[in-house]
Protein backbone atom coordinates (compact mmCIF):
# COMPACT_ATOMS: atom_id res chain seq x y z
CA MET A 1 -70.39 -92.86 -77.52
CA ILE A 2 -72.07 -91.48 -80.37
CA SER A 3 -69.64 -91.13 -83.44
CA ILE A 4 -70.24 -89.46 -86.82
CA GLU A 5 -68.01 -90.07 -90.00
CA PRO A 6 -68.83 -87.80 -93.32
CA LEU A 7 -70.24 -89.93 -96.07
CA SER A 8 -68.90 -87.37 -99.14
CA SER A 9 -67.22 -84.39 -98.67
CA HIS A 10 -69.92 -82.24 -99.12
CA LEU A 11 -73.49 -84.21 -98.24
CA GLY A 12 -73.96 -87.13 -95.44
CA ALA A 13 -72.61 -88.76 -92.22
CA SER A 14 -72.63 -91.67 -90.63
CA VAL A 15 -74.13 -91.92 -86.88
CA ARG A 16 -73.26 -94.67 -84.54
CA GLY A 17 -73.99 -95.13 -81.00
CA VAL A 18 -77.68 -94.07 -81.40
CA ASP A 19 -80.42 -96.36 -81.36
CA VAL A 20 -83.66 -95.23 -83.04
CA SER A 21 -86.12 -97.91 -81.39
CA LYS A 22 -85.64 -95.97 -78.41
CA PRO A 23 -86.38 -92.54 -76.81
CA LEU A 24 -83.50 -89.58 -77.61
CA ASP A 25 -82.37 -88.34 -74.37
CA ALA A 26 -82.21 -84.41 -74.66
CA ALA A 27 -78.58 -84.44 -75.20
CA THR A 28 -78.48 -86.94 -78.12
CA PHE A 29 -81.29 -85.18 -79.49
CA GLY A 30 -79.38 -82.11 -79.81
CA LEU A 31 -76.38 -83.61 -81.47
CA VAL A 32 -78.57 -85.42 -83.97
CA LEU A 33 -80.46 -82.25 -84.61
CA LYS A 34 -76.82 -80.35 -84.92
CA ALA A 35 -75.68 -83.33 -87.52
CA ILE A 36 -78.45 -83.19 -89.87
CA GLY A 37 -77.61 -79.56 -90.03
CA ASP A 38 -74.25 -80.07 -90.74
CA TYR A 39 -74.17 -82.99 -92.79
CA GLY A 40 -77.63 -82.54 -94.58
CA LEU A 41 -78.16 -86.39 -94.40
CA LEU A 42 -77.61 -89.13 -91.63
CA ARG A 43 -77.30 -92.75 -91.89
CA PHE A 44 -78.03 -95.02 -88.92
CA PRO A 45 -76.55 -98.25 -89.74
CA GLY A 46 -77.37 -101.67 -87.96
CA GLN A 47 -81.18 -100.68 -86.66
CA THR A 48 -84.07 -103.09 -85.95
CA ILE A 49 -87.17 -100.60 -85.28
CA THR A 50 -90.91 -101.58 -85.77
CA PRO A 51 -93.04 -98.84 -87.54
CA ALA A 52 -94.04 -97.42 -84.50
CA GLN A 53 -90.62 -96.93 -83.65
CA GLN A 54 -89.72 -95.22 -86.87
CA ARG A 55 -92.46 -92.91 -86.38
CA ASP A 56 -91.98 -91.95 -82.50
CA PHE A 57 -87.93 -91.30 -83.69
CA ALA A 58 -89.12 -89.29 -86.63
CA ALA A 59 -91.44 -87.07 -84.42
CA HIS A 60 -88.72 -85.95 -81.91
CA PHE A 61 -87.77 -83.67 -85.09
CA GLY A 62 -90.97 -82.30 -85.87
CA HIS A 63 -95.06 -83.38 -86.81
CA THR A 64 -95.13 -87.06 -88.64
CA GLN A 65 -98.13 -86.23 -90.83
CA ALA A 66 -100.36 -89.24 -92.15
CA ILE A 67 -99.97 -90.87 -95.56
CA ARG A 68 -102.35 -89.05 -97.96
CA GLY A 69 -103.90 -89.73 -101.16
CA ARG A 70 -103.10 -92.34 -103.58
CA LEU A 71 -100.03 -93.79 -101.29
CA ALA A 72 -102.44 -94.07 -98.07
CA ILE A 73 -103.10 -97.45 -99.33
CA PHE A 74 -99.75 -98.41 -98.74
CA THR A 75 -99.19 -97.78 -95.51
CA ALA A 76 -98.14 -99.75 -91.80
CA PRO A 77 -101.30 -101.83 -89.98
CA GLY A 78 -102.28 -99.47 -87.56
CA VAL A 79 -99.39 -96.40 -88.11
CA PRO A 80 -100.55 -94.36 -91.33
CA GLU A 81 -97.55 -92.34 -90.84
CA ILE A 82 -95.32 -95.19 -92.34
CA ASN A 83 -95.55 -95.55 -95.88
CA ILE A 84 -94.62 -99.04 -97.66
CA LEU A 85 -92.18 -98.29 -100.50
CA SER A 86 -91.94 -101.74 -102.35
CA ASN A 87 -91.97 -103.63 -105.66
CA ILE A 88 -93.00 -107.01 -103.75
CA LYS A 89 -96.25 -108.70 -104.72
CA GLU A 90 -98.25 -110.73 -102.56
CA ASN A 91 -101.19 -112.79 -103.90
CA GLY A 92 -100.47 -111.08 -107.01
CA GLN A 93 -101.26 -107.60 -105.46
CA PRO A 94 -98.32 -104.76 -104.38
CA ILE A 95 -97.65 -104.34 -100.66
CA GLY A 96 -95.98 -101.05 -101.39
CA ALA A 97 -95.74 -98.29 -103.85
CA THR A 98 -93.13 -99.11 -106.68
CA ASP A 99 -92.45 -95.70 -108.30
CA ALA A 100 -93.00 -93.04 -105.32
CA GLY A 101 -90.10 -90.72 -105.55
CA VAL A 102 -88.80 -91.06 -109.36
CA ILE A 103 -88.88 -87.66 -110.36
CA TRP A 104 -86.41 -85.11 -108.75
CA HIS A 105 -87.86 -83.19 -106.04
CA THR A 106 -88.04 -82.62 -102.65
CA ASP A 107 -90.97 -83.17 -99.97
CA MET A 108 -93.57 -81.32 -98.53
CA VAL A 109 -93.00 -78.28 -100.58
CA HIS A 110 -97.09 -77.32 -100.54
CA ASN A 111 -96.94 -77.16 -96.79
CA GLU A 112 -97.38 -73.35 -95.98
CA THR A 113 -94.27 -74.35 -93.54
CA PRO A 114 -91.82 -76.23 -95.50
CA GLY A 115 -91.53 -79.90 -94.74
CA PHE A 116 -88.48 -80.68 -92.85
CA ALA A 117 -87.14 -84.36 -93.21
CA ASN A 118 -87.80 -87.89 -94.33
CA VAL A 119 -86.77 -90.92 -92.35
CA LEU A 120 -86.62 -94.20 -93.81
CA TYR A 121 -85.81 -97.48 -92.88
CA ALA A 122 -84.44 -100.46 -95.25
CA LEU A 123 -85.72 -103.83 -94.84
CA LYS A 124 -84.74 -105.24 -98.17
CA VAL A 125 -82.15 -103.96 -100.61
CA PRO A 126 -81.82 -105.29 -104.11
CA ARG A 127 -78.64 -106.97 -105.72
CA ARG A 128 -77.11 -107.64 -108.82
CA ASP A 129 -73.90 -109.77 -109.37
CA GLY A 130 -72.90 -108.07 -105.99
CA ARG A 131 -73.86 -104.84 -106.40
CA VAL A 132 -76.50 -102.88 -104.92
CA LEU A 133 -79.25 -101.19 -106.44
CA GLY A 134 -82.57 -98.64 -105.74
CA GLY A 135 -80.25 -96.16 -104.61
CA THR A 136 -81.01 -92.98 -103.71
CA GLU A 137 -79.34 -89.78 -105.32
CA PHE A 138 -79.49 -86.36 -104.10
CA TYR A 139 -77.82 -82.50 -104.81
CA ASN A 140 -76.71 -80.61 -102.47
CA LEU A 141 -78.77 -77.05 -102.35
CA GLN A 142 -76.38 -75.51 -99.75
CA ALA A 143 -73.51 -76.11 -101.57
CA ALA A 144 -75.26 -75.13 -105.36
CA TYR A 145 -76.50 -71.88 -103.42
CA GLU A 146 -72.92 -71.22 -102.49
CA ASP A 147 -71.60 -71.67 -105.91
CA LEU A 148 -74.13 -68.89 -107.19
CA PRO A 149 -72.56 -66.05 -108.88
CA ASP A 150 -73.13 -62.90 -106.28
CA ASP A 151 -75.08 -61.09 -108.83
CA ILE A 152 -77.64 -64.04 -109.12
CA LYS A 153 -77.75 -64.18 -105.64
CA ALA A 154 -78.51 -60.33 -105.31
CA ARG A 155 -81.19 -60.55 -108.08
CA LEU A 156 -82.98 -63.57 -106.19
CA THR A 157 -82.60 -62.14 -102.82
CA ASP A 158 -86.36 -60.91 -102.68
CA ALA A 159 -87.81 -63.61 -104.88
CA TYR A 160 -90.59 -66.57 -104.00
CA GLY A 161 -90.92 -69.81 -105.81
CA VAL A 162 -94.28 -70.74 -106.54
CA TYR A 163 -95.89 -73.99 -106.41
CA THR A 164 -99.46 -75.13 -107.49
CA GLY A 165 -98.75 -78.42 -108.80
CA GLU A 166 -99.55 -77.88 -112.45
CA ASN A 167 -95.56 -78.37 -113.38
CA TYR A 168 -95.75 -82.16 -111.36
CA THR A 169 -99.31 -82.71 -113.04
CA SER A 170 -97.28 -82.28 -116.44
CA ILE A 171 -94.85 -84.93 -116.18
CA GLU A 172 -95.84 -88.85 -117.23
CA ARG A 173 -93.57 -90.78 -115.09
CA THR A 174 -92.28 -93.66 -116.57
CA PRO A 175 -89.95 -95.77 -114.13
CA PHE A 176 -88.63 -99.20 -115.08
CA PRO A 177 -89.57 -100.34 -118.37
CA GLU A 178 -90.47 -103.75 -116.97
CA TYR A 179 -92.76 -102.01 -114.63
CA GLY A 180 -94.75 -100.38 -117.67
CA THR A 181 -95.95 -96.59 -117.85
CA ASN A 182 -97.58 -95.29 -114.51
CA SER A 183 -99.80 -92.33 -115.62
CA HIS A 184 -100.49 -91.16 -111.91
CA LYS A 185 -101.18 -87.78 -111.84
CA ALA A 186 -101.30 -85.20 -109.20
CA HIS A 187 -103.86 -83.11 -108.29
CA LYS A 188 -103.55 -79.05 -108.53
CA LYS A 189 -102.99 -77.43 -105.29
CA GLU A 190 -103.46 -73.78 -103.54
CA PRO A 191 -100.80 -71.87 -104.74
CA VAL A 192 -97.90 -71.94 -101.99
CA ARG A 193 -94.89 -69.60 -101.94
CA HIS A 194 -91.01 -70.08 -100.70
CA ARG A 195 -88.36 -67.96 -100.76
CA ILE A 196 -85.70 -69.25 -103.21
CA ILE A 197 -83.02 -68.31 -101.14
CA ALA A 198 -84.05 -69.50 -97.47
CA THR A 199 -82.11 -69.32 -94.62
CA HIS A 200 -81.53 -72.76 -92.77
CA PRO A 201 -83.18 -73.10 -89.39
CA ILE A 202 -80.64 -75.17 -87.73
CA SER A 203 -77.22 -74.15 -89.25
CA GLY A 204 -78.11 -70.47 -90.24
CA ARG A 205 -76.44 -71.03 -93.66
CA LYS A 206 -78.30 -69.90 -96.88
CA THR A 207 -79.76 -72.90 -99.14
CA LEU A 208 -81.38 -72.77 -102.89
CA TYR A 209 -84.15 -73.98 -102.06
CA CYS A 210 -85.86 -74.75 -105.82
CA ASP A 211 -87.40 -78.11 -106.29
CA PRO A 212 -87.12 -79.44 -109.91
CA GLY A 213 -90.08 -81.43 -109.61
CA HIS A 214 -92.57 -78.92 -108.12
CA VAL A 215 -91.68 -75.22 -108.49
CA ASP A 216 -93.72 -73.60 -111.32
CA TYR A 217 -92.50 -70.16 -111.65
CA ILE A 218 -90.62 -67.56 -109.68
CA GLU A 219 -92.51 -64.62 -108.11
CA GLY A 220 -90.34 -61.17 -108.03
CA LEU A 221 -88.54 -61.15 -111.25
CA PRO A 222 -89.62 -59.53 -114.11
CA PRO A 223 -92.26 -61.70 -116.20
CA GLY A 224 -89.24 -61.85 -119.24
CA GLU A 225 -86.51 -63.24 -116.66
CA ARG A 226 -88.16 -65.56 -114.26
CA ASP A 227 -88.66 -68.39 -117.27
CA GLU A 228 -84.88 -68.06 -118.03
CA MET A 229 -83.75 -68.06 -114.36
CA LEU A 230 -85.50 -70.87 -113.38
CA GLN A 231 -84.05 -72.86 -116.32
CA TYR A 232 -80.70 -71.28 -115.17
CA LEU A 233 -81.15 -72.50 -111.24
CA LEU A 234 -82.37 -75.69 -112.42
CA LYS A 235 -79.48 -76.66 -114.56
CA HIS A 236 -77.18 -74.87 -111.81
CA ILE A 237 -78.36 -76.99 -108.97
CA MET A 238 -77.72 -80.60 -110.97
CA GLN A 239 -74.04 -80.40 -111.32
CA PRO A 240 -71.86 -83.36 -110.53
CA LYS A 241 -70.07 -81.47 -107.70
CA PHE A 242 -73.25 -81.06 -106.01
CA HIS A 243 -74.18 -85.07 -106.62
CA PHE A 244 -74.23 -87.71 -103.83
CA VAL A 245 -75.73 -91.28 -104.35
CA TYR A 246 -76.52 -93.48 -101.53
CA ASP A 247 -76.52 -97.30 -101.53
CA TRP A 248 -78.75 -98.86 -99.26
CA CYS A 249 -77.82 -101.92 -96.73
CA GLU A 250 -80.51 -103.94 -94.79
CA GLY A 251 -80.95 -102.30 -91.49
CA ASP A 252 -80.13 -98.69 -92.25
CA VAL A 253 -82.26 -95.95 -90.67
CA MET A 254 -81.43 -92.77 -93.20
CA MET A 255 -82.73 -89.27 -92.36
CA TRP A 256 -82.07 -86.63 -94.77
CA ASP A 257 -83.15 -82.80 -95.07
CA ASN A 258 -85.53 -81.61 -97.66
CA LEU A 259 -84.18 -77.75 -96.80
CA ARG A 260 -81.21 -78.49 -98.45
CA THR A 261 -81.38 -81.52 -100.77
CA VAL A 262 -83.48 -82.79 -103.65
CA HIS A 263 -83.54 -86.52 -104.20
CA HIS A 264 -84.79 -89.46 -106.68
CA ALA A 265 -85.04 -93.00 -106.39
CA VAL A 266 -83.26 -95.37 -108.80
CA LEU A 267 -85.60 -97.75 -110.17
CA ASP A 268 -82.41 -99.92 -111.84
CA PHE A 269 -83.81 -103.51 -110.38
CA GLY A 270 -86.40 -105.75 -112.10
CA PRO A 271 -89.54 -106.83 -110.25
CA GLU A 272 -88.08 -109.80 -108.78
CA GLU A 273 -85.52 -107.89 -107.25
CA HIS A 274 -87.19 -107.28 -104.31
CA ARG A 275 -86.89 -103.55 -102.25
CA LEU A 276 -88.73 -102.80 -99.14
CA ILE A 277 -88.25 -99.66 -97.44
CA TRP A 278 -90.50 -97.57 -94.75
CA ARG A 279 -90.93 -93.69 -95.33
CA CYS A 280 -92.21 -91.49 -92.50
CA GLN A 281 -92.21 -87.32 -93.57
CA VAL A 282 -91.56 -84.89 -90.70
CA GLU A 283 -93.12 -81.65 -90.99
CA GLY A 284 -91.48 -78.22 -90.08
CA ASP A 285 -93.42 -77.25 -86.89
CA LYS A 286 -90.52 -77.56 -84.72
CA VAL A 287 -87.34 -76.55 -86.31
CA PHE A 288 -88.98 -73.35 -87.52
CA ASP A 289 -89.33 -72.71 -84.13
CA ALA A 290 -86.42 -70.77 -83.15
CA ALA A 291 -86.42 -71.44 -79.46
CA PHE A 292 -87.03 -75.21 -80.05
CA VAL A 293 -83.75 -75.03 -82.14
CA ARG A 294 -81.80 -72.97 -79.77
CA GLN A 295 -82.66 -75.05 -76.52
CA ALA A 296 -82.03 -78.36 -78.80
CA LEU A 297 -78.67 -77.00 -79.72
CA SER A 298 -77.39 -75.82 -76.31
CA GLN A 299 -78.03 -79.55 -75.03
CA ALA A 300 -75.44 -80.47 -78.18
CA ARG A 301 -72.93 -78.21 -76.67
CA ALA A 302 -73.16 -79.46 -73.06
CA ALA A 303 -72.82 -83.02 -74.53
CA ALA A 304 -69.74 -82.07 -76.89
């Protein structure tokens, strides 16, 4: 029996009764897909999986891309789609990326089709004096859209966010002081345009697709207004009422929707407080196929 219990008033749910190490039947897949559309973030507690099983679970929802760039050295042996996120060192060398995800962002915005989801698995979670460290924070872009004044919604109807990588490369990333400054710079990319007001392919609801870590400017507004509007939107998104923080537990598999959330990793733990998480990214090829989503949701209704 599958049970779904909300984690907060506006974002997230805990899903029990799904073993992510095994292939999902059509009914279970439909229920999970509907749940990610409804809640934006799903926690599957108490899981034990291998990197290949994590990739295969994620692949139900879309193409799982191999890790590229500077993070490609931190992947699971034989499973290049699984990125190792960790501050653990072995023989003096890091086994994973320490500072990945420390700025506010959503993933895969540079894809022509927006990226869909992240699937992460927690193996080690840092704690200090009984307090969980190394959480992941989120803001709810769907709730942020719904809270916009009507005149702002109207002005943004035909507006696009433009992503080139320039904004990201201007950020000096300075994580937890004991790790020192990481001056990693991303590479400038070919410009990609995404609607600022997007329709979610699963729920059909509107979302404010505006990534504070990557968007460079808004296209579709007069030049004198676009910078002012961008700053307004970023400030609007990051209000406490749209905020949610997730504290990890070993054995958690977490899946979140990049179309309706922005997130960042909290580096509040020291080098000897070990964190080990595996990450897999899911592209948007399947969820932007209306027939695929329609079939999956029909299976969810049949199973309900």
